[in-house]
Amino acid sequence: LRNLGPLGIVGLLIVAAGIGLIAWADPVVAVGMAL
């Protein structure tokens, strides 16, 4: 996380939130998106 910097950490949080939102709607699609 130290190497990512603040912008990279925010980007990771946005990606995680997006995958979480997709998983809430359809878990199979979320697994595919994560892969």
All heavy atoms as atom14 arrays in JSON, in Angstrom:
{
  "sequence": "LRNLGPLGIVGLLIVAAGIGLIAWADPVVAVGMAL",
  "atom14_mask": [
    [1, 1, 1, 1, 1, 1, 1, 1, 0, 0, 0, 0, 0, 0],
    [1, 1, 1, 1, 1, 1, 1, 1, 1, 1, 1, 0, 0, 0],
    [1, 1, 1, 1, 1, 1, 1, 1, 0, 0, 0, 0, 0, 0],
    [1, 1, 1, 1, 1, 1, 1, 1, 0, 0, 0, 0, 0, 0],
    [1, 1, 1, 1, 0, 0, 0, 0, 0, 0, 0, 0, 0, 0],
    [1, 1, 1, 1, 1, 1, 1, 0, 0, 0, 0, 0, 0, 0],
    [1, 1, 1, 1, 1, 1, 1, 1, 0, 0, 0, 0, 0, 0],
    [1, 1, 1, 1, 0, 0, 0, 0, 0, 0, 0, 0, 0, 0],
    [1, 1, 1, 1, 1, 1, 1, 1, 0, 0, 0, 0, 0, 0],
    [1, 1, 1, 1, 1, 1, 1, 0, 0, 0, 0, 0, 0, 0],
    [1, 1, 1, 1, 0, 0, 0, 0, 0, 0, 0, 0, 0, 0],
    [1, 1, 1, 1, 1, 1, 1, 1, 0, 0, 0, 0, 0, 0],
    [1, 1, 1, 1, 1, 1, 1, 1, 0, 0, 0, 0, 0, 0],
    [1, 1, 1, 1, 1, 1, 1, 1, 0, 0, 0, 0, 0, 0],
    [1, 1, 1, 1, 1, 1, 1, 0, 0, 0, 0, 0, 0, 0],
    [1, 1, 1, 1, 1, 0, 0, 0, 0, 0, 0, 0, 0, 0],
    [1, 1, 1, 1, 1, 0, 0, 0, 0, 0, 0, 0, 0, 0],
    [1, 1, 1, 1, 0, 0, 0, 0, 0, 0, 0, 0, 0, 0],
    [1, 1, 1, 1, 1, 1, 1, 1, 0, 0, 0, 0, 0, 0],
    [1, 1, 1, 1, 0, 0, 0, 0, 0, 0, 0, 0, 0, 0],
    [1, 1, 1, 1, 1, 1, 1, 1, 0, 0, 0, 0, 0, 0],
    [1, 1, 1, 1, 1, 1, 1, 1, 0, 0, 0, 0, 0, 0],
    [1, 1, 1, 1, 1, 0, 0, 0, 0, 0, 0, 0, 0, 0],
    [1, 1, 1, 1, 1, 1, 1, 1, 1, 1, 1, 1, 1, 1],
    [1, 1, 1, 1, 1, 0, 0, 0, 0, 0, 0, 0, 0, 0],
    [1, 1, 1, 1, 1, 1, 1, 1, 0, 0, 0, 0, 0, 0],
    [1, 1, 1, 1, 1, 1, 1, 0, 0, 0, 0, 0, 0, 0],
    [1, 1, 1, 1, 1, 1, 1, 0, 0, 0, 0, 0, 0, 0],
    [1, 1, 1, 1, 1, 1, 1, 0, 0, 0, 0, 0, 0, 0],
    [1, 1, 1, 1, 1, 0, 0, 0, 0, 0, 0, 0, 0, 0],
    [1, 1, 1, 1, 1, 1, 1, 0, 0, 0, 0, 0, 0, 0],
    [1, 1, 1, 1, 0, 0, 0, 0, 0, 0, 0, 0, 0, 0],
    [1, 1, 1, 1, 1, 1, 1, 1, 0, 0, 0, 0, 0, 0],
    [1, 1, 1, 1, 1, 0, 0, 0, 0, 0, 0, 0, 0, 0],
    [1, 1, 1, 1, 1, 1, 1, 1, 0, 0, 0, 0, 0, 0]
  ],
  "atom14_positions": [
    [[0.82, -1.21, 0.0], [0.0, 0.0, 0.0], [0.86, 1.26, 0.0], [0.45, 2.28, -0.55], [-0.95, 0.0, 1.2], [-2.06, -1.05, 1.15], [-2.89, -1.0, 2.42], [-2.94, -0.88, -0.05], [0.0, 0.0, 0.0], [0.0, 0.0, 0.0], [0.0, 0.0, 0.0], [0.0, 0.0, 0.0], [0.0, 0.0, 0.0], [0.0, 0.0, 0.0]],
    [[2.04, 1.19, 0.59], [2.94, 2.34, 0.61], [3.39, 2.69, -0.82], [3.55, 3.86, -1.17], [4.14, 2.04, 1.48], [5.04, 3.24, 1.68], [6.24, 2.93, 2.55], [5.95, 1.94, 3.58], [6.86, 1.15, 4.12], [8.11, 1.24, 3.74], [6.53, 0.29, 5.04], [0.0, 0.0, 0.0], [0.0, 0.0, 0.0], [0.0, 0.0, 0.0]],
    [[3.57, 1.67, -1.66], [4.01, 1.9, -3.03], [2.9, 2.46, -3.92], [3.19, 3.08, -4.93], [4.53, 0.6, -3.64], [5.78, 0.11, -2.96], [6.49, 0.89, -2.33], [6.04, -1.17, -3.06], [0.0, 0.0, 0.0], [0.0, 0.0, 0.0], [0.0, 0.0, 0.0], [0.0, 0.0, 0.0], [0.0, 0.0, 0.0], [0.0, 0.0, 0.0]],
    [[1.66, 2.22, -3.56], [0.54, 2.69, -4.38], [0.32, 4.19, -4.26], [-0.04, 4.84, -5.23], [-0.74, 1.96, -3.99], [-0.89, 0.54, -4.46], [-2.17, -0.04, -3.9], [-0.86, 0.44, -5.95], [0.0, 0.0, 0.0], [0.0, 0.0, 0.0], [0.0, 0.0, 0.0], [0.0, 0.0, 0.0], [0.0, 0.0, 0.0], [0.0, 0.0, 0.0]],
    [[0.47, 4.7, -3.08], [0.17, 6.1, -2.85], [-1.31, 6.3, -2.61], [-2.11, 5.37, -2.74], [0.0, 0.0, 0.0], [0.0, 0.0, 0.0], [0.0, 0.0, 0.0], [0.0, 0.0, 0.0], [0.0, 0.0, 0.0], [0.0, 0.0, 0.0], [0.0, 0.0, 0.0], [0.0, 0.0, 0.0], [0.0, 0.0, 0.0], [0.0, 0.0, 0.0]],
    [[-1.71, 7.52, -2.28], [-3.11, 7.77, -1.95], [-4.05, 7.55, -3.14], [-5.15, 7.02, -2.98], [-3.14, 9.23, -1.51], [-1.76, 9.76, -1.65], [-0.86, 8.67, -2.08], [0.0, 0.0, 0.0], [0.0, 0.0, 0.0], [0.0, 0.0, 0.0], [0.0, 0.0, 0.0], [0.0, 0.0, 0.0], [0.0, 0.0, 0.0], [0.0, 0.0, 0.0]],
    [[-3.64, 7.93, -4.33], [-4.5, 7.77, -5.5], [-4.71, 6.29, -5.82], [-5.81, 5.87, -6.17], [-3.9, 8.5, -6.69], [-4.81, 8.68, -7.89], [-6.05, 9.47, -7.51], [-4.06, 9.4, -9.0], [0.0, 0.0, 0.0], [0.0, 0.0, 0.0], [0.0, 0.0, 0.0], [0.0, 0.0, 0.0], [0.0, 0.0, 0.0], [0.0, 0.0, 0.0]],
    [[-3.67, 5.49, -5.67], [-3.79, 4.05, -5.91], [-4.7, 3.38, -4.9], [-5.46, 2.47, -5.24], [0.0, 0.0, 0.0], [0.0, 0.0, 0.0], [0.0, 0.0, 0.0], [0.0, 0.0, 0.0], [0.0, 0.0, 0.0], [0.0, 0.0, 0.0], [0.0, 0.0, 0.0], [0.0, 0.0, 0.0], [0.0, 0.0, 0.0], [0.0, 0.0, 0.0]],
    [[-4.63, 3.82, -3.65], [-5.49, 3.26, -2.61], [-6.95, 3.59, -2.89], [-7.83, 2.74, -2.76], [-5.05, 3.74, -1.22], [-3.67, 3.16, -0.89], [-6.06, 3.34, -0.15], [-3.04, 3.73, 0.35], [0.0, 0.0, 0.0], [0.0, 0.0, 0.0], [0.0, 0.0, 0.0], [0.0, 0.0, 0.0], [0.0, 0.0, 0.0], [0.0, 0.0, 0.0]],
    [[-7.21, 4.83, -3.3], [-8.58, 5.22, -3.65], [-9.06, 4.39, -4.83], [-10.21, 3.93, -4.86], [-8.66, 6.74, -3.95], [-9.99, 7.1, -4.54], [-8.4, 7.54, -2.69], [0.0, 0.0, 0.0], [0.0, 0.0, 0.0], [0.0, 0.0, 0.0], [0.0, 0.0, 0.0], [0.0, 0.0, 0.0], [0.0, 0.0, 0.0], [0.0, 0.0, 0.0]],
    [[-8.2, 4.16, -5.8], [-8.56, 3.34, -6.95], [-8.91, 1.92, -6.54], [-9.88, 1.34, -7.03], [0.0, 0.0, 0.0], [0.0, 0.0, 0.0], [0.0, 0.0, 0.0], [0.0, 0.0, 0.0], [0.0, 0.0, 0.0], [0.0, 0.0, 0.0], [0.0, 0.0, 0.0], [0.0, 0.0, 0.0], [0.0, 0.0, 0.0], [0.0, 0.0, 0.0]],
    [[-8.12, 1.35, -5.63], [-8.42, 0.0, -5.14], [-9.76, -0.04, -4.41], [-10.53, -1.0, -4.57], [-7.32, -0.45, -4.19], [-6.14, -1.19, -4.8], [-5.09, -1.5, -3.75], [-6.58, -2.45, -5.48], [0.0, 0.0, 0.0], [0.0, 0.0, 0.0], [0.0, 0.0, 0.0], [0.0, 0.0, 0.0], [0.0, 0.0, 0.0], [0.0, 0.0, 0.0]],
    [[-10.04, 0.98, -3.62], [-11.32, 1.02, -2.91], [-12.49, 1.13, -3.89], [-13.53, 0.5, -3.68], [-11.34, 2.19, -1.93], [-10.42, 2.05, -0.72], [-10.44, 3.34, 0.12], [-10.84, 0.87, 0.13], [0.0, 0.0, 0.0], [0.0, 0.0, 0.0], [0.0, 0.0, 0.0], [0.0, 0.0, 0.0], [0.0, 0.0, 0.0], [0.0, 0.0, 0.0]],
    [[-12.33, 1.91, -4.95], [-13.39, 2.04, -5.94], [-13.63, 0.71, -6.66], [-14.77, 0.31, -6.89], [-13.07, 3.17, -6.93], [-13.17, 4.51, -6.22], [-13.99, 3.12, -8.14], [-12.7, 5.69, -7.04], [0.0, 0.0, 0.0], [0.0, 0.0, 0.0], [0.0, 0.0, 0.0], [0.0, 0.0, 0.0], [0.0, 0.0, 0.0], [0.0, 0.0, 0.0]],
    [[-12.53, 0.02, -7.01], [-12.67, -1.29, -7.66], [-13.36, -2.27, -6.72], [-14.26, -3.01, -7.12], [-11.29, -1.82, -8.1], [-11.36, -3.28, -8.49], [-10.75, -0.99, -9.25], [0.0, 0.0, 0.0], [0.0, 0.0, 0.0], [0.0, 0.0, 0.0], [0.0, 0.0, 0.0], [0.0, 0.0, 0.0], [0.0, 0.0, 0.0], [0.0, 0.0, 0.0]],
    [[-12.97, -2.29, -5.45], [-13.59, -3.19, -4.48], [-15.07, -2.87, -4.29], [-15.91, -3.78, -4.2], [-12.86, -3.12, -3.14], [0.0, 0.0, 0.0], [0.0, 0.0, 0.0], [0.0, 0.0, 0.0], [0.0, 0.0, 0.0], [0.0, 0.0, 0.0], [0.0, 0.0, 0.0], [0.0, 0.0, 0.0], [0.0, 0.0, 0.0], [0.0, 0.0, 0.0]],
    [[-15.41, -1.58, -4.26], [-16.82, -1.19, -4.13], [-17.61, -1.62, -5.35], [-18.76, -2.09, -5.24], [-16.93, 0.31, -3.91], [0.0, 0.0, 0.0], [0.0, 0.0, 0.0], [0.0, 0.0, 0.0], [0.0, 0.0, 0.0], [0.0, 0.0, 0.0], [0.0, 0.0, 0.0], [0.0, 0.0, 0.0], [0.0, 0.0, 0.0], [0.0, 0.0, 0.0]],
    [[-17.01, -1.48, -6.53], [-17.69, -1.9, -7.76], [-17.94, -3.39, -7.79], [-19.04, -3.85, -8.14], [0.0, 0.0, 0.0], [0.0, 0.0, 0.0], [0.0, 0.0, 0.0], [0.0, 0.0, 0.0], [0.0, 0.0, 0.0], [0.0, 0.0, 0.0], [0.0, 0.0, 0.0], [0.0, 0.0, 0.0], [0.0, 0.0, 0.0], [0.0, 0.0, 0.0]],
    [[-16.93, -4.17, -7.42], [-17.1, -5.63, -7.38], [-18.14, -6.0, -6.33], [-18.96, -6.89, -6.54], [-15.75, -6.33, -7.08], [-14.76, -6.11, -8.22], [-15.94, -7.82, -6.83], [-15.09, -6.81, -9.5], [0.0, 0.0, 0.0], [0.0, 0.0, 0.0], [0.0, 0.0, 0.0], [0.0, 0.0, 0.0], [0.0, 0.0, 0.0], [0.0, 0.0, 0.0]],
    [[-18.14, -5.31, -5.2], [-19.15, -5.57, -4.17], [-20.56, -5.28, -4.64], [-21.49, -6.04, -4.35], [0.0, 0.0, 0.0], [0.0, 0.0, 0.0], [0.0, 0.0, 0.0], [0.0, 0.0, 0.0], [0.0, 0.0, 0.0], [0.0, 0.0, 0.0], [0.0, 0.0, 0.0], [0.0, 0.0, 0.0], [0.0, 0.0, 0.0], [0.0, 0.0, 0.0]],
    [[-20.72, -4.19, -5.37], [-22.04, -3.85, -5.9], [-22.51, -4.88, -6.92], [-23.67, -5.29, -6.91], [-21.99, -2.45, -6.54], [-23.3, -1.89, -7.06], [-24.28, -1.71, -5.91], [-23.05, -0.56, -7.74], [0.0, 0.0, 0.0], [0.0, 0.0, 0.0], [0.0, 0.0, 0.0], [0.0, 0.0, 0.0], [0.0, 0.0, 0.0], [0.0, 0.0, 0.0]],
    [[-21.59, -5.33, -7.77], [-21.94, -6.36, -8.74], [-22.27, -7.67, -8.02], [-23.21, -8.38, -8.39], [-20.8, -6.55, -9.76], [-20.65, -5.3, -10.61], [-21.05, -7.76, -10.65], [-19.41, -5.27, -11.47], [0.0, 0.0, 0.0], [0.0, 0.0, 0.0], [0.0, 0.0, 0.0], [0.0, 0.0, 0.0], [0.0, 0.0, 0.0], [0.0, 0.0, 0.0]],
    [[-21.5, -8.01, -6.97], [-21.74, -9.24, -6.22], [-23.09, -9.22, -5.52], [-23.74, -10.25, -5.38], [-20.63, -9.45, -5.19], [0.0, 0.0, 0.0], [0.0, 0.0, 0.0], [0.0, 0.0, 0.0], [0.0, 0.0, 0.0], [0.0, 0.0, 0.0], [0.0, 0.0, 0.0], [0.0, 0.0, 0.0], [0.0, 0.0, 0.0], [0.0, 0.0, 0.0]],
    [[-23.51, -8.04, -5.12], [-24.82, -7.93, -4.48], [-25.93, -8.25, -5.48], [-26.91, -8.89, -5.14], [-24.98, -6.52, -3.92], [-26.29, -6.29, -3.24], [-26.71, -6.85, -2.07], [-27.33, -5.44, -3.69], [-27.95, -6.38, -1.76], [-28.36, -5.51, -2.74], [-27.49, -4.62, -4.79], [-29.54, -4.8, -2.89], [-28.66, -3.9, -4.93], [-29.67, -4.01, -3.98]],
    [[-25.74, -7.84, -6.74], [-26.75, -8.09, -7.77], [-26.63, -9.51, -8.34], [-27.65, -10.18, -8.52], [-26.6, -7.07, -8.9], [0.0, 0.0, 0.0], [0.0, 0.0, 0.0], [0.0, 0.0, 0.0], [0.0, 0.0, 0.0], [0.0, 0.0, 0.0], [0.0, 0.0, 0.0], [0.0, 0.0, 0.0], [0.0, 0.0, 0.0], [0.0, 0.0, 0.0]],
    [[-25.4, -9.96, -8.64], [-25.21, -11.28, -9.24], [-23.82, -11.8, -8.89], [-22.83, -11.35, -9.49], [-25.39, -11.18, -10.75], [-25.47, -12.55, -11.42], [-25.27, -13.56, -10.73], [-25.73, -12.59, -12.63], [0.0, 0.0, 0.0], [0.0, 0.0, 0.0], [0.0, 0.0, 0.0], [0.0, 0.0, 0.0], [0.0, 0.0, 0.0], [0.0, 0.0, 0.0]],
    [[-23.72, -12.72, -7.95], [-22.41, -13.2, -7.49], [-21.56, -13.86, -8.58], [-20.35, -13.71, -8.6], [-22.75, -14.21, -6.39], [-24.13, -13.88, -5.96], [-24.81, -13.29, -7.16], [0.0, 0.0, 0.0], [0.0, 0.0, 0.0], [0.0, 0.0, 0.0], [0.0, 0.0, 0.0], [0.0, 0.0, 0.0], [0.0, 0.0, 0.0], [0.0, 0.0, 0.0]],
    [[-22.19, -14.58, -9.51], [-21.42, -15.26, -10.55], [-20.74, -14.25, -11.47], [-19.57, -14.41, -11.83], [-22.33, -16.21, -11.36], [-21.58, -16.84, -12.52], [-22.91, -17.29, -10.45], [0.0, 0.0, 0.0], [0.0, 0.0, 0.0], [0.0, 0.0, 0.0], [0.0, 0.0, 0.0], [0.0, 0.0, 0.0], [0.0, 0.0, 0.0], [0.0, 0.0, 0.0]],
    [[-21.45, -13.2, -11.82], [-20.86, -12.16, -12.66], [-19.74, -11.45, -11.91], [-18.71, -11.11, -12.49], [-21.95, -11.15, -13.11], [-21.34, -10.0, -13.86], [-22.99, -11.84, -13.97], [0.0, 0.0, 0.0], [0.0, 0.0, 0.0], [0.0, 0.0, 0.0], [0.0, 0.0, 0.0], [0.0, 0.0, 0.0], [0.0, 0.0, 0.0], [0.0, 0.0, 0.0]],
    [[-19.9, -11.25, -10.61], [-18.87, -10.6, -9.8], [-17.58, -11.42, -9.78], [-16.48, -10.86, -9.86], [-19.38, -10.37, -8.38], [0.0, 0.0, 0.0], [0.0, 0.0, 0.0], [0.0, 0.0, 0.0], [0.0, 0.0, 0.0], [0.0, 0.0, 0.0], [0.0, 0.0, 0.0], [0.0, 0.0, 0.0], [0.0, 0.0, 0.0], [0.0, 0.0, 0.0]],
    [[-17.7, -12.73, -9.68], [-16.51, -13.59, -9.7], [-15.82, -13.47, -11.04], [-14.59, -13.36, -11.12], [-16.88, -15.05, -9.38], [-15.72, -15.99, -9.64], [-17.35, -15.18, -7.95], [0.0, 0.0, 0.0], [0.0, 0.0, 0.0], [0.0, 0.0, 0.0], [0.0, 0.0, 0.0], [0.0, 0.0, 0.0], [0.0, 0.0, 0.0], [0.0, 0.0, 0.0]],
    [[-16.59, -13.45, -12.11], [-16.01, -13.29, -13.44], [-15.3, -11.96, -13.59], [-14.19, -11.89, -14.13], [0.0, 0.0, 0.0], [0.0, 0.0, 0.0], [0.0, 0.0, 0.0], [0.0, 0.0, 0.0], [0.0, 0.0, 0.0], [0.0, 0.0, 0.0], [0.0, 0.0, 0.0], [0.0, 0.0, 0.0], [0.0, 0.0, 0.0], [0.0, 0.0, 0.0]],
    [[-15.92, -10.9, -13.12], [-15.3, -9.57, -13.19], [-14.01, -9.53, -12.37], [-13.02, -8.94, -12.79], [-16.26, -8.5, -12.69], [-17.45, -8.25, -13.58], [-17.02, -7.43, -15.08], [-16.5, -5.86, -14.47], [0.0, 0.0, 0.0], [0.0, 0.0, 0.0], [0.0, 0.0, 0.0], [0.0, 0.0, 0.0], [0.0, 0.0, 0.0], [0.0, 0.0, 0.0]],
    [[-14.02, -10.14, -11.19], [-12.82, -10.16, -10.35], [-11.68, -10.92, -11.03], [-10.53, -10.49, -10.98], [-13.15, -10.79, -8.99], [0.0, 0.0, 0.0], [0.0, 0.0, 0.0], [0.0, 0.0, 0.0], [0.0, 0.0, 0.0], [0.0, 0.0, 0.0], [0.0, 0.0, 0.0], [0.0, 0.0, 0.0], [0.0, 0.0, 0.0], [0.0, 0.0, 0.0]],
    [[-12.0, -12.02, -11.7], [-10.98, -12.78, -12.42], [-10.42, -11.98, -13.59], [-9.22, -12.0, -13.84], [-11.56, -14.11, -12.91], [-11.82, -15.15, -11.83], [-12.53, -16.37, -12.43], [-10.53, -15.57, -11.16], [0.0, 0.0, 0.0], [0.0, 0.0, 0.0], [0.0, 0.0, 0.0], [0.0, 0.0, 0.0], [0.0, 0.0, 0.0], [0.0, 0.0, 0.0]]
  ]
}
